[in-house]
Amino acid sequence: EGEKEVAKRRKLDEIDYTRASIRGLQPGAIFLGVQQSGRATYEVEVQLQNVDLDKAFLCGYLKISGLTDEFPELTTYFEGEIVG
């Protein structure tokens, strides 16, 4: 293989990796996890509503459980910029 072919293959590999790493960023995707604050931990759920990769934008809802007695489940809307 010549240098141009190797460079082209590397570029394609990078593109494939990038596509694979952002594949989960799509409307309707749900991510479950835990947020830790000091000694307390809270279950969280993130549901993406809109993802625009061309504009590096996403938005959705963050639901957190067990934060306070008054609001055992709290949902907030967020907007974010995709970086990296």
N, C-alpha and C. Protein backbone atom coordinates (compact mmCIF):
# COMPACT_ATOMS: atom_id res chain seq x y z
N GLU A 1 0.84 -1.19 0.00
CA GLU A 1 0.00 0.00 0.00
C GLU A 1 0.87 1.24 0.00
N GLY A 2 0.43 2.24 -0.74
CA GLY A 2 1.13 3.51 -0.75
C GLY A 2 0.72 4.37 0.43
N GLU A 3 1.46 5.47 0.61
CA GLU A 3 1.18 6.35 1.75
C GLU A 3 -0.22 6.95 1.67
N LYS A 4 -0.67 7.29 0.46
CA LYS A 4 -2.01 7.88 0.31
C LYS A 4 -3.10 6.88 0.71
N GLU A 5 -2.92 5.63 0.33
CA GLU A 5 -3.92 4.62 0.67
C GLU A 5 -3.97 4.39 2.18
N VAL A 6 -2.80 4.36 2.81
CA VAL A 6 -2.75 4.16 4.26
C VAL A 6 -3.42 5.34 4.97
N ALA A 7 -3.11 6.56 4.54
CA ALA A 7 -3.70 7.75 5.15
C ALA A 7 -5.21 7.75 4.95
N LYS A 8 -5.67 7.35 3.77
CA LYS A 8 -7.10 7.30 3.49
C LYS A 8 -7.78 6.26 4.38
N ARG A 9 -7.15 5.09 4.54
CA ARG A 9 -7.72 4.05 5.39
C ARG A 9 -7.79 4.52 6.84
N ARG A 10 -6.75 5.20 7.32
CA ARG A 10 -6.76 5.72 8.69
C ARG A 10 -7.90 6.70 8.89
N LYS A 11 -8.10 7.59 7.89
CA LYS A 11 -9.16 8.57 7.99
C LYS A 11 -10.52 7.87 8.04
N LEU A 12 -10.72 6.84 7.22
CA LEU A 12 -11.97 6.09 7.24
C LEU A 12 -12.17 5.40 8.57
N ASP A 13 -11.09 4.84 9.14
CA ASP A 13 -11.18 4.20 10.45
C ASP A 13 -11.61 5.21 11.53
N GLU A 14 -11.06 6.43 11.44
CA GLU A 14 -11.43 7.48 12.41
C GLU A 14 -12.90 7.84 12.27
N ILE A 15 -13.38 7.95 11.04
CA ILE A 15 -14.78 8.28 10.81
C ILE A 15 -15.67 7.18 11.35
N ASP A 16 -15.32 5.92 11.09
CA ASP A 16 -16.11 4.80 11.59
C ASP A 16 -16.14 4.80 13.12
N TYR A 17 -15.01 5.09 13.75
CA TYR A 17 -14.96 5.14 15.21
C TYR A 17 -15.86 6.25 15.74
N THR A 18 -15.80 7.42 15.10
CA THR A 18 -16.62 8.54 15.52
C THR A 18 -18.10 8.19 15.39
N ARG A 19 -18.48 7.58 14.28
CA ARG A 19 -19.88 7.19 14.09
C ARG A 19 -20.30 6.18 15.15
N ALA A 20 -19.44 5.23 15.45
CA ALA A 20 -19.77 4.22 16.45
C ALA A 20 -19.92 4.85 17.83
N SER A 21 -19.08 5.83 18.15
CA SER A 21 -19.11 6.41 19.48
C SER A 21 -20.31 7.33 19.69
N ILE A 22 -20.92 7.83 18.62
CA ILE A 22 -22.08 8.69 18.76
C ILE A 22 -23.38 8.01 18.33
N ARG A 23 -23.30 6.74 18.00
CA ARG A 23 -24.47 6.01 17.53
C ARG A 23 -25.62 6.08 18.53
N GLY A 24 -25.34 6.09 19.82
CA GLY A 24 -26.39 6.14 20.83
C GLY A 24 -27.03 7.50 20.99
N LEU A 25 -26.44 8.52 20.40
CA LEU A 25 -27.00 9.87 20.50
C LEU A 25 -28.07 10.05 19.44
N GLN A 26 -29.27 9.65 19.78
CA GLN A 26 -30.39 9.80 18.86
C GLN A 26 -31.66 10.07 19.65
N PRO A 27 -32.62 10.76 19.04
CA PRO A 27 -33.86 11.05 19.75
C PRO A 27 -34.49 9.77 20.28
N GLY A 28 -34.96 9.85 21.51
CA GLY A 28 -35.59 8.70 22.14
C GLY A 28 -34.64 7.82 22.94
N ALA A 29 -33.33 8.03 22.79
CA ALA A 29 -32.36 7.23 23.54
C ALA A 29 -32.51 7.52 25.04
N ILE A 30 -32.38 6.49 25.85
CA ILE A 30 -32.49 6.62 27.30
C ILE A 30 -31.22 6.07 27.93
N PHE A 31 -30.67 6.85 28.86
CA PHE A 31 -29.47 6.46 29.59
C PHE A 31 -29.81 6.44 31.07
N LEU A 32 -29.48 5.35 31.74
CA LEU A 32 -29.72 5.20 33.17
C LEU A 32 -28.40 5.23 33.91
N GLY A 33 -28.40 5.83 35.10
CA GLY A 33 -27.16 5.89 35.85
C GLY A 33 -27.39 6.34 37.27
N VAL A 34 -26.30 6.71 37.91
CA VAL A 34 -26.33 7.16 39.30
C VAL A 34 -25.52 8.45 39.40
N GLN A 35 -26.07 9.40 40.14
CA GLN A 35 -25.35 10.64 40.43
C GLN A 35 -24.96 10.61 41.89
N GLN A 36 -23.72 10.95 42.16
CA GLN A 36 -23.26 10.97 43.55
C GLN A 36 -22.98 12.41 43.96
N SER A 37 -23.48 12.77 45.13
CA SER A 37 -23.26 14.10 45.69
C SER A 37 -22.91 13.90 47.16
N GLY A 38 -21.64 14.06 47.48
CA GLY A 38 -21.20 13.77 48.84
C GLY A 38 -21.38 12.30 49.12
N ARG A 39 -22.11 11.99 50.17
CA ARG A 39 -22.36 10.58 50.52
C ARG A 39 -23.65 10.04 49.90
N ALA A 40 -24.47 10.93 49.38
CA ALA A 40 -25.76 10.52 48.82
C ALA A 40 -25.60 10.12 47.35
N THR A 41 -26.38 9.13 46.95
CA THR A 41 -26.43 8.74 45.54
C THR A 41 -27.89 8.75 45.10
N TYR A 42 -28.09 9.12 43.85
CA TYR A 42 -29.43 9.26 43.30
C TYR A 42 -29.49 8.55 41.95
N GLU A 43 -30.58 7.85 41.71
CA GLU A 43 -30.78 7.23 40.41
C GLU A 43 -31.20 8.33 39.44
N VAL A 44 -30.61 8.29 38.24
CA VAL A 44 -30.95 9.28 37.22
C VAL A 44 -31.29 8.58 35.91
N GLU A 45 -32.12 9.25 35.14
CA GLU A 45 -32.48 8.79 33.80
C GLU A 45 -32.42 10.00 32.88
N VAL A 46 -31.72 9.85 31.77
CA VAL A 46 -31.65 10.90 30.76
C VAL A 46 -32.34 10.39 29.51
N GLN A 47 -33.30 11.16 29.02
CA GLN A 47 -33.99 10.79 27.78
C GLN A 47 -33.77 11.91 26.77
N LEU A 48 -33.12 11.57 25.66
CA LEU A 48 -32.86 12.55 24.63
C LEU A 48 -34.11 12.79 23.80
N GLN A 49 -34.41 14.06 23.56
CA GLN A 49 -35.56 14.45 22.76
C GLN A 49 -35.16 14.84 21.34
N ASN A 50 -34.07 15.58 21.22
CA ASN A 50 -33.61 16.05 19.92
C ASN A 50 -32.08 15.98 19.88
N VAL A 51 -31.55 15.51 18.78
CA VAL A 51 -30.11 15.46 18.57
C VAL A 51 -29.83 15.97 17.17
N ASP A 52 -29.00 17.01 17.08
CA ASP A 52 -28.61 17.57 15.78
C ASP A 52 -27.09 17.56 15.72
N LEU A 53 -26.53 16.52 15.10
CA LEU A 53 -25.07 16.38 15.06
C LEU A 53 -24.42 17.48 14.22
N ASP A 54 -25.11 17.94 13.18
CA ASP A 54 -24.55 19.01 12.34
C ASP A 54 -24.37 20.30 13.13
N LYS A 55 -25.26 20.56 14.07
CA LYS A 55 -25.19 21.77 14.89
C LYS A 55 -24.58 21.50 16.26
N ALA A 56 -24.15 20.26 16.51
CA ALA A 56 -23.55 19.85 17.79
C ALA A 56 -24.47 20.19 18.96
N PHE A 57 -25.76 19.87 18.81
CA PHE A 57 -26.78 20.23 19.80
C PHE A 57 -27.57 19.01 20.20
N LEU A 58 -27.94 18.96 21.47
CA LEU A 58 -28.88 17.95 21.93
C LEU A 58 -29.69 18.52 23.08
N CYS A 59 -30.87 17.95 23.30
CA CYS A 59 -31.70 18.36 24.43
C CYS A 59 -32.52 17.17 24.88
N GLY A 60 -33.05 17.29 26.07
CA GLY A 60 -33.85 16.20 26.60
C GLY A 60 -34.24 16.44 28.03
N TYR A 61 -34.56 15.35 28.72
CA TYR A 61 -35.02 15.42 30.09
C TYR A 61 -34.10 14.60 31.00
N LEU A 62 -33.84 15.17 32.16
CA LEU A 62 -33.08 14.50 33.21
C LEU A 62 -34.04 14.26 34.37
N LYS A 63 -34.25 13.00 34.71
CA LYS A 63 -35.12 12.64 35.84
C LYS A 63 -34.23 12.10 36.95
N ILE A 64 -34.41 12.64 38.15
CA ILE A 64 -33.62 12.21 39.29
C ILE A 64 -34.57 11.75 40.39
N SER A 65 -34.26 10.64 41.01
CA SER A 65 -35.13 10.04 42.03
C SER A 65 -34.49 10.14 43.41
N GLY A 66 -35.34 10.47 44.43
CA GLY A 66 -34.89 10.47 45.82
C GLY A 66 -34.15 11.71 46.24
N LEU A 67 -34.27 12.79 45.49
CA LEU A 67 -33.52 14.01 45.81
C LEU A 67 -34.03 14.65 47.10
N THR A 68 -35.35 14.80 47.23
CA THR A 68 -35.93 15.36 48.46
C THR A 68 -37.21 14.60 48.80
N ASP A 69 -37.63 14.72 50.05
CA ASP A 69 -38.90 14.09 50.46
C ASP A 69 -40.08 14.76 49.77
N GLU A 70 -39.99 16.07 49.60
CA GLU A 70 -41.08 16.83 48.99
C GLU A 70 -41.26 16.45 47.52
N PHE A 71 -40.14 16.24 46.82
CA PHE A 71 -40.18 15.86 45.41
C PHE A 71 -39.38 14.57 45.22
N PRO A 72 -40.00 13.42 45.47
CA PRO A 72 -39.27 12.15 45.36
C PRO A 72 -38.76 11.87 43.95
N GLU A 73 -39.40 12.50 42.96
CA GLU A 73 -38.95 12.36 41.57
C GLU A 73 -39.03 13.74 40.93
N LEU A 74 -37.94 14.19 40.36
CA LEU A 74 -37.88 15.52 39.77
C LEU A 74 -37.35 15.39 38.34
N THR A 75 -38.04 16.03 37.40
CA THR A 75 -37.62 15.99 35.99
C THR A 75 -37.32 17.41 35.52
N THR A 76 -36.17 17.59 34.90
CA THR A 76 -35.79 18.89 34.36
C THR A 76 -35.44 18.75 32.89
N TYR A 77 -35.64 19.82 32.14
CA TYR A 77 -35.29 19.89 30.73
C TYR A 77 -33.88 20.45 30.62
N PHE A 78 -33.11 19.94 29.68
CA PHE A 78 -31.76 20.49 29.47
C PHE A 78 -31.47 20.63 27.98
N GLU A 79 -30.57 21.53 27.66
CA GLU A 79 -30.01 21.68 26.33
C GLU A 79 -28.49 21.62 26.47
N GLY A 80 -27.83 21.04 25.49
CA GLY A 80 -26.39 20.92 25.58
C GLY A 80 -25.70 20.98 24.25
N GLU A 81 -24.41 21.22 24.30
CA GLU A 81 -23.56 21.26 23.12
C GLU A 81 -22.70 20.01 23.12
N ILE A 82 -22.63 19.35 21.97
CA ILE A 82 -21.80 18.15 21.83
C ILE A 82 -20.38 18.62 21.55
N VAL A 83 -19.45 18.25 22.40
CA VAL A 83 -18.05 18.64 22.21
C VAL A 83 -17.20 17.37 22.16
N GLY A 84 -16.08 17.50 21.51
CA GLY A 84 -15.17 16.35 21.47
C GLY A 84 -14.98 15.79 20.10
